[in-house]
Structures are given as structure tokens and as C-alpha cells.
Amino acid sequence: MSNITPQVVARTRSDDELLKLLCDELEQRLPNGRRAADEFVAELRALPRGLRAMAATYELDVSLALDDFGWHFGNWHHIGLAEETAAGLQELGASELAELFRKAFVLARDSWSELASEDWWRWYNRSPLQEAVDPLNVAAWALLKTKKLGLLSYWLEYARRYPERLQDDAGRT
């Protein structure tokens, strides 16, 4: 059961406090982090819709902060997780970013076997995929630059707008 209620969210005084609350809740609910992707996706689907969206998008935030869409699909090479990430972005209200992600995913699917190889990262540098996703990366970085905390800003906006969707009885989509 979630420790996050609309009342608790309303009492948070800062973005830092709310983000800590959200991260603590996700760590409690997903204590093993990202194990096997199939297991992780199953765990995601058991979360309330808001927490599910946040957990599904966390690694994308890291990927776009450090690398790009191509690296994300190489590091997190799982179709179900990519679908959860796209749905999570949409749920969080990051519609433009969701569209960019979906386009990058379509391109990545054309190179899925290369991204599955042990040394995919050697192949990726200067690959046709990297060239194809680069304009999408640039657009995503520009979008996230407008947000104080990048993709995590969407988490905060969502939690304040829909705190009831962080609870177990909020229904799942």
C-alpha cells in the first residue's frame, strides 16, 4: 500500500521534498531495482498508474542526461519496457517527448539485433541508427532543457496534479 496520499503530497513544501517522497516510495516498491526485464515489467504493471509511469521513465531520464535514445535502447533492450516507457511518458503529460521516444523506438527496432549484441555500443557509434535518431535526440534535449529537473519535473507536476493516481486504489491503465 502506498504511503503517498493526496494529503501527504499537499503537505510537501518543496520539489526536493516531493521528489524524495516519490523516490523513496519507488525504492520501497521496487527494492530489487531492475532485475530481469520481464520481471521488472511485471512489477511495473502492479504499481498504481502514476508510480508505474515514473518507474518506467526513470532510466530514460538517465539515458537522455548521459547519452541518447540509441544508448537507451542498447542499455535497456526490452520491447515491453520500451512500451511501458512510452505509455509512462504519455501518462505523465510528456506528450512531445513520448512522440520522440516512439519515433526513436521504431528506428531502433530496425537495428534490434545489433542492439542485442554484446558489444552493441561499438556498433552504435557512427551507425545508421545513431545518425537517424540524432535529430530526435536534439529535440528531446531541447524539451528537457526547459524543465528544471529534466524528465523528473514531469513527475512532480503529475504528482501535484493527480496525487490520487499514486495510490493503489487509483486504478491501472
N, C-alpha and C. Protein backbone atom coordinates (compact mmCIF):
# COMPACT_ATOMS: atom_id res chain seq x y z
N MET A 1 0.84 -1.18 0.00
CA MET A 1 0.00 0.00 0.00
C MET A 1 0.89 1.24 0.00
N SER A 2 0.48 2.22 -0.73
CA SER A 2 1.27 3.44 -0.88
C SER A 2 1.24 4.32 0.37
N ASN A 3 2.40 4.87 0.69
CA ASN A 3 2.49 5.84 1.77
C ASN A 3 2.15 7.24 1.26
N ILE A 4 1.98 7.36 -0.02
CA ILE A 4 1.72 8.66 -0.62
C ILE A 4 0.21 8.84 -0.79
N THR A 5 -0.32 9.83 -0.11
CA THR A 5 -1.73 10.16 -0.22
C THR A 5 -1.83 11.58 -0.75
N PRO A 6 -2.98 11.98 -1.23
CA PRO A 6 -3.13 13.38 -1.64
C PRO A 6 -2.79 14.36 -0.52
N GLN A 7 -3.09 13.99 0.71
CA GLN A 7 -2.79 14.86 1.84
C GLN A 7 -1.28 15.00 2.05
N VAL A 8 -0.57 13.90 1.94
CA VAL A 8 0.89 13.93 2.09
C VAL A 8 1.51 14.76 0.97
N VAL A 9 1.06 14.58 -0.25
CA VAL A 9 1.58 15.38 -1.38
C VAL A 9 1.31 16.86 -1.14
N ALA A 10 0.11 17.18 -0.70
CA ALA A 10 -0.25 18.59 -0.46
C ALA A 10 0.63 19.22 0.62
N ARG A 11 1.10 18.42 1.56
CA ARG A 11 1.93 18.96 2.65
C ARG A 11 3.39 19.16 2.26
N THR A 12 3.82 18.61 1.13
CA THR A 12 5.22 18.79 0.75
C THR A 12 5.47 20.26 0.45
N ARG A 13 6.58 20.76 0.95
CA ARG A 13 6.89 22.18 0.83
C ARG A 13 7.77 22.53 -0.35
N SER A 14 8.46 21.53 -0.89
CA SER A 14 9.40 21.83 -1.97
C SER A 14 9.42 20.69 -2.98
N ASP A 15 9.98 20.99 -4.15
CA ASP A 15 10.16 19.95 -5.16
C ASP A 15 11.09 18.87 -4.64
N ASP A 16 12.14 19.27 -3.93
CA ASP A 16 13.08 18.28 -3.39
C ASP A 16 12.39 17.32 -2.43
N GLU A 17 11.52 17.85 -1.58
CA GLU A 17 10.81 17.02 -0.62
C GLU A 17 9.87 16.05 -1.34
N LEU A 18 9.16 16.54 -2.34
CA LEU A 18 8.24 15.67 -3.08
C LEU A 18 9.01 14.62 -3.88
N LEU A 19 10.10 15.02 -4.50
CA LEU A 19 10.89 14.06 -5.28
C LEU A 19 11.45 12.97 -4.37
N LYS A 20 11.92 13.33 -3.20
CA LYS A 20 12.42 12.34 -2.24
C LYS A 20 11.30 11.38 -1.84
N LEU A 21 10.12 11.91 -1.59
CA LEU A 21 8.97 11.09 -1.24
C LEU A 21 8.67 10.08 -2.36
N LEU A 22 8.66 10.55 -3.60
CA LEU A 22 8.38 9.67 -4.74
C LEU A 22 9.47 8.61 -4.91
N CYS A 23 10.72 9.03 -4.83
CA CYS A 23 11.83 8.09 -4.99
C CYS A 23 11.85 7.05 -3.87
N ASP A 24 11.59 7.49 -2.65
CA ASP A 24 11.54 6.54 -1.53
C ASP A 24 10.43 5.51 -1.74
N GLU A 25 9.28 5.98 -2.22
CA GLU A 25 8.16 5.06 -2.47
C GLU A 25 8.52 4.05 -3.55
N LEU A 26 9.16 4.52 -4.62
CA LEU A 26 9.54 3.60 -5.70
C LEU A 26 10.60 2.61 -5.23
N GLU A 27 11.55 3.06 -4.43
CA GLU A 27 12.57 2.14 -3.91
C GLU A 27 11.95 1.09 -2.99
N GLN A 28 10.96 1.50 -2.22
CA GLN A 28 10.27 0.56 -1.33
C GLN A 28 9.50 -0.48 -2.15
N ARG A 29 8.85 -0.03 -3.21
CA ARG A 29 8.02 -0.94 -4.01
C ARG A 29 8.82 -1.77 -5.00
N LEU A 30 9.99 -1.27 -5.38
CA LEU A 30 10.85 -1.98 -6.33
C LEU A 30 12.24 -2.16 -5.69
N PRO A 31 12.32 -2.89 -4.59
CA PRO A 31 13.58 -2.96 -3.83
C PRO A 31 14.72 -3.62 -4.59
N ASN A 32 14.41 -4.43 -5.56
CA ASN A 32 15.47 -5.12 -6.31
C ASN A 32 15.87 -4.37 -7.57
N GLY A 33 15.32 -3.17 -7.75
CA GLY A 33 15.66 -2.39 -8.94
C GLY A 33 15.29 -3.12 -10.20
N ARG A 34 16.12 -2.95 -11.19
CA ARG A 34 15.88 -3.58 -12.48
C ARG A 34 16.61 -4.91 -12.54
N ARG A 35 15.88 -5.95 -12.24
CA ARG A 35 16.45 -7.29 -12.38
C ARG A 35 16.24 -7.68 -13.83
N ALA A 36 15.83 -8.88 -14.05
CA ALA A 36 15.49 -9.30 -15.40
C ALA A 36 14.35 -8.42 -15.90
N ALA A 37 14.45 -7.97 -17.12
CA ALA A 37 13.47 -7.02 -17.65
C ALA A 37 12.04 -7.56 -17.60
N ASP A 38 11.85 -8.85 -17.87
CA ASP A 38 10.50 -9.41 -17.83
C ASP A 38 9.90 -9.27 -16.43
N GLU A 39 10.71 -9.55 -15.40
CA GLU A 39 10.24 -9.42 -14.02
C GLU A 39 9.95 -7.96 -13.68
N PHE A 40 10.82 -7.07 -14.12
CA PHE A 40 10.64 -5.66 -13.83
C PHE A 40 9.36 -5.13 -14.47
N VAL A 41 9.11 -5.50 -15.71
CA VAL A 41 7.89 -5.06 -16.39
C VAL A 41 6.67 -5.58 -15.66
N ALA A 42 6.71 -6.81 -15.19
CA ALA A 42 5.58 -7.35 -14.41
C ALA A 42 5.39 -6.56 -13.12
N GLU A 43 6.48 -6.19 -12.46
CA GLU A 43 6.38 -5.39 -11.24
C GLU A 43 5.81 -4.00 -11.54
N LEU A 44 6.22 -3.42 -12.66
CA LEU A 44 5.68 -2.11 -13.06
C LEU A 44 4.17 -2.16 -13.18
N ARG A 45 3.70 -3.20 -13.82
CA ARG A 45 2.27 -3.32 -14.11
C ARG A 45 1.43 -3.51 -12.86
N ALA A 46 2.07 -3.83 -11.75
CA ALA A 46 1.35 -3.99 -10.48
C ALA A 46 1.28 -2.68 -9.68
N LEU A 47 1.98 -1.65 -10.14
CA LEU A 47 2.01 -0.37 -9.43
C LEU A 47 0.80 0.49 -9.78
N PRO A 48 0.46 1.43 -8.91
CA PRO A 48 -0.55 2.43 -9.28
C PRO A 48 -0.06 3.19 -10.52
N ARG A 49 -0.97 3.65 -11.34
CA ARG A 49 -0.63 4.20 -12.65
C ARG A 49 0.41 5.32 -12.61
N GLY A 50 0.36 6.20 -11.63
CA GLY A 50 1.34 7.28 -11.56
C GLY A 50 2.73 6.78 -11.22
N LEU A 51 2.83 5.90 -10.24
CA LEU A 51 4.13 5.33 -9.88
C LEU A 51 4.67 4.45 -11.00
N ARG A 52 3.78 3.76 -11.67
CA ARG A 52 4.17 2.93 -12.82
C ARG A 52 4.82 3.79 -13.90
N ALA A 53 4.20 4.93 -14.20
CA ALA A 53 4.74 5.83 -15.22
C ALA A 53 6.11 6.37 -14.81
N MET A 54 6.24 6.71 -13.54
CA MET A 54 7.51 7.25 -13.05
C MET A 54 8.61 6.21 -13.12
N ALA A 55 8.32 5.02 -12.62
CA ALA A 55 9.33 3.96 -12.63
C ALA A 55 9.73 3.58 -14.05
N ALA A 56 8.76 3.59 -14.96
CA ALA A 56 9.04 3.21 -16.35
C ALA A 56 9.87 4.25 -17.09
N THR A 57 9.88 5.48 -16.61
CA THR A 57 10.60 6.55 -17.32
C THR A 57 11.91 6.93 -16.66
N TYR A 58 12.20 6.39 -15.50
CA TYR A 58 13.40 6.80 -14.78
C TYR A 58 14.68 6.58 -15.59
N GLU A 59 14.85 5.39 -16.14
CA GLU A 59 16.08 5.11 -16.88
C GLU A 59 16.19 5.96 -18.14
N LEU A 60 15.07 6.33 -18.74
CA LEU A 60 15.14 7.22 -19.89
C LEU A 60 15.69 8.57 -19.48
N ASP A 61 15.29 9.05 -18.31
CA ASP A 61 15.84 10.31 -17.82
C ASP A 61 17.35 10.22 -17.70
N VAL A 62 17.83 9.13 -17.15
CA VAL A 62 19.28 8.91 -17.01
C VAL A 62 19.92 8.84 -18.39
N SER A 63 19.31 8.07 -19.29
CA SER A 63 19.87 7.90 -20.63
C SER A 63 19.99 9.22 -21.38
N LEU A 64 18.96 10.05 -21.29
CA LEU A 64 19.00 11.32 -22.02
C LEU A 64 19.92 12.33 -21.35
N ALA A 65 20.15 12.18 -20.06
CA ALA A 65 21.09 13.06 -19.36
C ALA A 65 22.53 12.71 -19.70
N LEU A 66 22.80 11.42 -19.89
CA LEU A 66 24.17 10.97 -20.12
C LEU A 66 24.47 10.62 -21.57
N ASP A 67 23.47 10.15 -22.29
CA ASP A 67 23.71 9.63 -23.64
C ASP A 67 22.60 10.09 -24.59
N ASP A 68 21.89 9.12 -25.17
CA ASP A 68 20.83 9.45 -26.12
C ASP A 68 19.86 8.28 -26.25
N PHE A 69 18.91 8.43 -27.15
CA PHE A 69 17.91 7.39 -27.35
C PHE A 69 18.56 6.05 -27.75
N GLY A 70 19.50 6.07 -28.65
CA GLY A 70 20.14 4.82 -29.09
C GLY A 70 20.79 4.08 -27.94
N TRP A 71 21.52 4.81 -27.11
CA TRP A 71 22.15 4.20 -25.94
C TRP A 71 21.08 3.64 -25.00
N HIS A 72 19.98 4.34 -24.88
CA HIS A 72 18.89 3.86 -24.02
C HIS A 72 18.42 2.48 -24.48
N PHE A 73 18.18 2.34 -25.78
CA PHE A 73 17.69 1.05 -26.28
C PHE A 73 18.75 -0.03 -26.23
N GLY A 74 20.01 0.33 -26.29
CA GLY A 74 21.07 -0.64 -26.12
C GLY A 74 21.18 -1.10 -24.68
N ASN A 75 21.11 -0.16 -23.76
CA ASN A 75 21.20 -0.49 -22.34
C ASN A 75 19.94 -1.16 -21.80
N TRP A 76 18.79 -0.77 -22.29
CA TRP A 76 17.51 -1.28 -21.81
C TRP A 76 16.78 -1.93 -22.99
N HIS A 77 17.34 -3.03 -23.45
CA HIS A 77 16.92 -3.71 -24.67
C HIS A 77 15.77 -4.66 -24.37
N HIS A 78 14.57 -4.11 -24.29
CA HIS A 78 13.41 -4.93 -23.97
C HIS A 78 12.17 -4.23 -24.54
N ILE A 79 11.46 -4.91 -25.40
CA ILE A 79 10.30 -4.31 -26.07
C ILE A 79 9.22 -3.93 -25.07
N GLY A 80 8.91 -4.79 -24.12
CA GLY A 80 7.88 -4.48 -23.12
C GLY A 80 8.23 -3.26 -22.30
N LEU A 81 9.50 -3.13 -21.94
CA LEU A 81 9.92 -1.96 -21.18
C LEU A 81 9.83 -0.70 -22.03
N ALA A 82 10.19 -0.79 -23.29
CA ALA A 82 10.07 0.37 -24.18
C ALA A 82 8.61 0.80 -24.30
N GLU A 83 7.71 -0.17 -24.40
CA GLU A 83 6.29 0.15 -24.47
C GLU A 83 5.81 0.79 -23.18
N GLU A 84 6.27 0.29 -22.05
CA GLU A 84 5.92 0.89 -20.75
C GLU A 84 6.46 2.31 -20.64
N THR A 85 7.66 2.53 -21.15
CA THR A 85 8.26 3.87 -21.10
C THR A 85 7.44 4.84 -21.94
N ALA A 86 7.07 4.45 -23.13
CA ALA A 86 6.25 5.32 -23.99
C ALA A 86 4.92 5.63 -23.32
N ALA A 87 4.28 4.62 -22.76
CA ALA A 87 3.00 4.83 -22.07
C ALA A 87 3.20 5.70 -20.83
N GLY A 88 4.30 5.50 -20.14
CA GLY A 88 4.60 6.30 -18.95
C GLY A 88 4.78 7.77 -19.28
N LEU A 89 5.50 8.04 -20.35
CA LEU A 89 5.67 9.43 -20.78
C LEU A 89 4.33 10.08 -21.08
N GLN A 90 3.48 9.34 -21.77
CA GLN A 90 2.14 9.86 -22.10
C GLN A 90 1.34 10.13 -20.83
N GLU A 91 1.36 9.18 -19.91
CA GLU A 91 0.63 9.32 -18.65
C GLU A 91 1.11 10.55 -17.88
N LEU A 92 2.41 10.80 -17.89
CA LEU A 92 2.98 11.92 -17.16
C LEU A 92 2.71 13.28 -17.82
N GLY A 93 2.14 13.26 -19.01
CA GLY A 93 1.87 14.51 -19.72
C GLY A 93 3.02 14.99 -20.57
N ALA A 94 3.99 14.12 -20.80
CA ALA A 94 5.15 14.45 -21.63
C ALA A 94 4.88 13.98 -23.06
N SER A 95 3.81 14.49 -23.64
CA SER A 95 3.34 14.01 -24.95
C SER A 95 4.36 14.19 -26.06
N GLU A 96 5.01 15.34 -26.10
CA GLU A 96 6.00 15.57 -27.15
C GLU A 96 7.18 14.62 -27.00
N LEU A 97 7.62 14.45 -25.78
CA LEU A 97 8.72 13.53 -25.53
C LEU A 97 8.31 12.10 -25.84
N ALA A 98 7.07 11.74 -25.53
CA ALA A 98 6.56 10.41 -25.85
C ALA A 98 6.59 10.17 -27.36
N GLU A 99 6.22 11.16 -28.13
CA GLU A 99 6.23 11.02 -29.59
C GLU A 99 7.65 10.85 -30.11
N LEU A 100 8.59 11.62 -29.57
CA LEU A 100 10.00 11.47 -29.96
C LEU A 100 10.51 10.08 -29.59
N PHE A 101 10.17 9.63 -28.40
CA PHE A 101 10.58 8.30 -27.95
C PHE A 101 10.03 7.22 -28.87
N ARG A 102 8.76 7.32 -29.20
CA ARG A 102 8.14 6.31 -30.09
C ARG A 102 8.83 6.28 -31.46
N LYS A 103 9.13 7.45 -31.99
CA LYS A 103 9.84 7.50 -33.28
C LYS A 103 11.22 6.86 -33.17
N ALA A 104 11.93 7.15 -32.08
CA ALA A 104 13.25 6.55 -31.87
C ALA A 104 13.13 5.03 -31.72
N PHE A 105 12.08 4.58 -31.05
CA PHE A 105 11.87 3.15 -30.86
C PHE A 105 11.63 2.45 -32.20
N VAL A 106 10.86 3.06 -33.07
CA VAL A 106 10.63 2.48 -34.40
C VAL A 106 11.97 2.33 -35.13
N LEU A 107 12.79 3.36 -35.06
CA LEU A 107 14.11 3.29 -35.70
C LEU A 107 14.98 2.23 -35.05
N ALA A 108 14.95 2.16 -33.73
CA ALA A 108 15.76 1.17 -33.01
C ALA A 108 15.33 -0.25 -33.35
N ARG A 109 14.04 -0.47 -33.55
CA ARG A 109 13.55 -1.81 -33.88
C ARG A 109 14.17 -2.32 -35.18
N ASP A 110 14.49 -1.40 -36.10
CA ASP A 110 15.15 -1.81 -37.35
C ASP A 110 16.57 -2.30 -37.10
N SER A 111 17.15 -1.98 -35.97
CA SER A 111 18.51 -2.41 -35.61
C SER A 111 18.50 -3.21 -34.30
N TRP A 112 17.40 -3.84 -34.02
CA TRP A 112 17.22 -4.51 -32.73
C TRP A 112 18.27 -5.60 -32.50
N SER A 113 18.59 -6.37 -33.53
CA SER A 113 19.58 -7.45 -33.35
C SER A 113 20.97 -6.87 -33.07
N GLU A 114 21.32 -5.78 -33.70
CA GLU A 114 22.60 -5.13 -33.42
C GLU A 114 22.64 -4.61 -31.98
N LEU A 115 21.54 -4.04 -31.52
CA LEU A 115 21.46 -3.52 -30.16
C LEU A 115 21.48 -4.65 -29.12
N ALA A 116 21.18 -5.86 -29.54
CA ALA A 116 21.19 -7.01 -28.63
C ALA A 116 22.57 -7.65 -28.51
N SER A 117 23.48 -7.27 -29.36
CA SER A 117 24.81 -7.90 -29.34
C SER A 117 25.60 -7.44 -28.11
N GLU A 118 26.58 -8.26 -27.74
CA GLU A 118 27.37 -7.98 -26.55
C GLU A 118 28.11 -6.65 -26.64
N ASP A 119 28.59 -6.33 -27.82
CA ASP A 119 29.33 -5.07 -27.98
C ASP A 119 28.56 -4.07 -28.86
N TRP A 120 27.27 -3.97 -28.59
CA TRP A 120 26.39 -3.09 -29.36
C TRP A 120 26.91 -1.67 -29.39
N TRP A 121 27.49 -1.23 -28.31
CA TRP A 121 27.95 0.15 -28.18
C TRP A 121 29.07 0.45 -29.18
N ARG A 122 29.88 -0.53 -29.54
CA ARG A 122 30.90 -0.30 -30.58
C ARG A 122 30.23 -0.11 -31.93
N TRP A 123 29.22 -0.93 -32.19
CA TRP A 123 28.49 -0.82 -33.44
C TRP A 123 27.76 0.52 -33.52
N TYR A 124 27.17 0.94 -32.41
CA TYR A 124 26.30 2.11 -32.41
C TYR A 124 27.01 3.40 -32.81
N ASN A 125 28.22 3.61 -32.35
CA ASN A 125 28.95 4.83 -32.67
C ASN A 125 29.10 4.99 -34.18
N ARG A 126 28.53 6.03 -34.71
CA ARG A 126 28.54 6.35 -36.16
C ARG A 126 27.73 5.38 -37.00
N SER A 127 26.78 4.69 -36.38
CA SER A 127 25.92 3.76 -37.11
C SER A 127 24.80 4.53 -37.80
N PRO A 128 24.12 3.87 -38.73
CA PRO A 128 22.93 4.48 -39.32
C PRO A 128 21.87 4.81 -38.28
N LEU A 129 21.76 3.98 -37.23
CA LEU A 129 20.79 4.26 -36.18
C LEU A 129 21.15 5.55 -35.45
N GLN A 130 22.41 5.70 -35.09
CA GLN A 130 22.80 6.92 -34.39
C GLN A 130 22.50 8.16 -35.25
N GLU A 131 22.79 8.09 -36.51
CA GLU A 131 22.50 9.21 -37.41
C GLU A 131 21.00 9.47 -37.51
N ALA A 132 20.22 8.41 -37.54
CA ALA A 132 18.76 8.56 -37.68
C ALA A 132 18.11 9.13 -36.42
N VAL A 133 18.60 8.73 -35.23
CA VAL A 133 17.98 9.22 -34.00
C VAL A 133 18.54 10.56 -33.55
N ASP A 134 19.64 11.00 -34.13
CA ASP A 134 20.25 12.24 -33.67
C ASP A 134 19.30 13.43 -33.68
N PRO A 135 18.52 13.67 -34.75
CA PRO A 135 17.59 14.80 -34.69
C PRO A 135 16.53 14.64 -33.59
N LEU A 136 16.14 13.41 -33.30
CA LEU A 136 15.18 13.16 -32.22
C LEU A 136 15.83 13.45 -30.86
N ASN A 137 17.10 13.08 -30.73
CA ASN A 137 17.85 13.40 -29.51
C ASN A 137 17.90 14.90 -29.28
N VAL A 138 18.24 15.62 -30.32
CA VAL A 138 18.36 17.08 -30.22
C VAL A 138 17.03 17.69 -29.78
N ALA A 139 15.95 17.21 -30.36
CA ALA A 139 14.62 17.72 -29.98
C ALA A 139 14.28 17.35 -28.54
N ALA A 140 14.61 16.14 -28.12
CA ALA A 140 14.33 15.72 -26.75
C ALA A 140 15.15 16.54 -25.76
N TRP A 141 16.42 16.74 -26.05
CA TRP A 141 17.26 17.53 -25.15
C TRP A 141 16.76 18.96 -25.03
N ALA A 142 16.28 19.51 -26.14
CA ALA A 142 15.74 20.88 -26.11
C ALA A 142 14.49 20.94 -25.23
N LEU A 143 13.63 19.95 -25.34
CA LEU A 143 12.42 19.90 -24.49
C LEU A 143 12.80 19.80 -23.02
N LEU A 144 13.72 18.91 -22.71
CA LEU A 144 14.09 18.68 -21.32
C LEU A 144 14.86 19.86 -20.73
N LYS A 145 15.52 20.61 -21.58
CA LYS A 145 16.26 21.78 -21.11
C LYS A 145 15.32 22.84 -20.53
N THR A 146 14.08 22.81 -20.95
CA THR A 146 13.10 23.79 -20.46
C THR A 146 12.56 23.41 -19.08
N LYS A 147 12.93 22.23 -18.61
CA LYS A 147 12.46 21.72 -17.32
C LYS A 147 13.61 21.75 -16.32
N LYS A 148 13.36 22.29 -15.15
CA LYS A 148 14.38 22.44 -14.12
C LYS A 148 15.06 21.10 -13.79
N LEU A 149 14.28 20.06 -13.66
CA LEU A 149 14.81 18.74 -13.30
C LEU A 149 14.68 17.72 -14.43
N GLY A 150 14.65 18.20 -15.66
CA GLY A 150 14.52 17.28 -16.79
C GLY A 150 13.21 16.51 -16.72
N LEU A 151 13.29 15.25 -17.04
CA LEU A 151 12.09 14.42 -17.05
C LEU A 151 11.46 14.31 -15.67
N LEU A 152 12.26 14.41 -14.62
CA LEU A 152 11.70 14.32 -13.27
C LEU A 152 10.76 15.47 -12.95
N SER A 153 10.89 16.57 -13.66
CA SER A 153 9.93 17.68 -13.49
C SER A 153 8.52 17.23 -13.84
N TYR A 154 8.40 16.36 -14.83
CA TYR A 154 7.08 15.83 -15.18
C TYR A 154 6.51 15.01 -14.03
N TRP A 155 7.38 14.29 -13.32
CA TRP A 155 6.93 13.53 -12.15
C TRP A 155 6.28 14.45 -11.13
N LEU A 156 6.97 15.55 -10.84
CA LEU A 156 6.49 16.48 -9.81
C LEU A 156 5.17 17.13 -10.21
N GLU A 157 5.10 17.58 -11.46
CA GLU A 157 3.87 18.20 -11.97
C GLU A 157 2.72 17.20 -11.88
N TYR A 158 2.98 15.97 -12.28
CA TYR A 158 1.97 14.92 -12.26
C TYR A 158 1.51 14.63 -10.83
N ALA A 159 2.46 14.46 -9.92
CA ALA A 159 2.12 14.13 -8.53
C ALA A 159 1.27 15.22 -7.90
N ARG A 160 1.55 16.45 -8.23
CA ARG A 160 0.76 17.55 -7.66
C ARG A 160 -0.62 17.63 -8.32
N ARG A 161 -0.70 17.31 -9.60
CA ARG A 161 -1.98 17.39 -10.32
C ARG A 161 -2.86 16.18 -10.04
N TYR A 162 -2.24 15.00 -9.92
CA TYR A 162 -3.01 13.76 -9.76
C TYR A 162 -2.49 12.92 -8.59
N PRO A 163 -2.46 13.43 -7.39
CA PRO A 163 -1.91 12.65 -6.27
C PRO A 163 -2.67 11.35 -6.02
N GLU A 164 -3.93 11.33 -6.36
CA GLU A 164 -4.72 10.10 -6.15
C GLU A 164 -4.24 8.96 -7.05
N ARG A 165 -3.57 9.28 -8.14
CA ARG A 165 -3.08 8.24 -9.06
C ARG A 165 -1.78 7.60 -8.57
N LEU A 166 -1.32 8.02 -7.40
CA LEU A 166 -0.12 7.43 -6.80
C LEU A 166 -0.49 6.34 -5.80
N GLN A 167 -1.78 6.15 -5.60
CA GLN A 167 -2.29 5.20 -4.62
C GLN A 167 -2.74 3.91 -5.29
N ASP A 168 -2.70 2.85 -4.53
CA ASP A 168 -3.05 1.53 -5.05
C ASP A 168 -4.48 1.45 -5.57
N ASP A 169 -5.39 2.15 -4.97
CA ASP A 169 -6.79 2.05 -5.38
C ASP A 169 -7.15 3.02 -6.50
N ALA A 170 -6.13 3.61 -7.15
CA ALA A 170 -6.39 4.60 -8.20
C ALA A 170 -6.72 3.97 -9.54
N GLY A 171 -6.60 2.68 -9.63
CA GLY A 171 -6.88 2.02 -10.90
C GLY A 171 -5.64 1.96 -11.76
N ARG A 172 -5.61 1.04 -12.64
CA ARG A 172 -4.46 0.86 -13.52
C ARG A 172 -4.90 0.97 -14.96
N THR A 173 -3.99 1.45 -15.79
CA THR A 173 -4.30 1.55 -17.21
C THR A 173 -3.36 0.71 -18.01
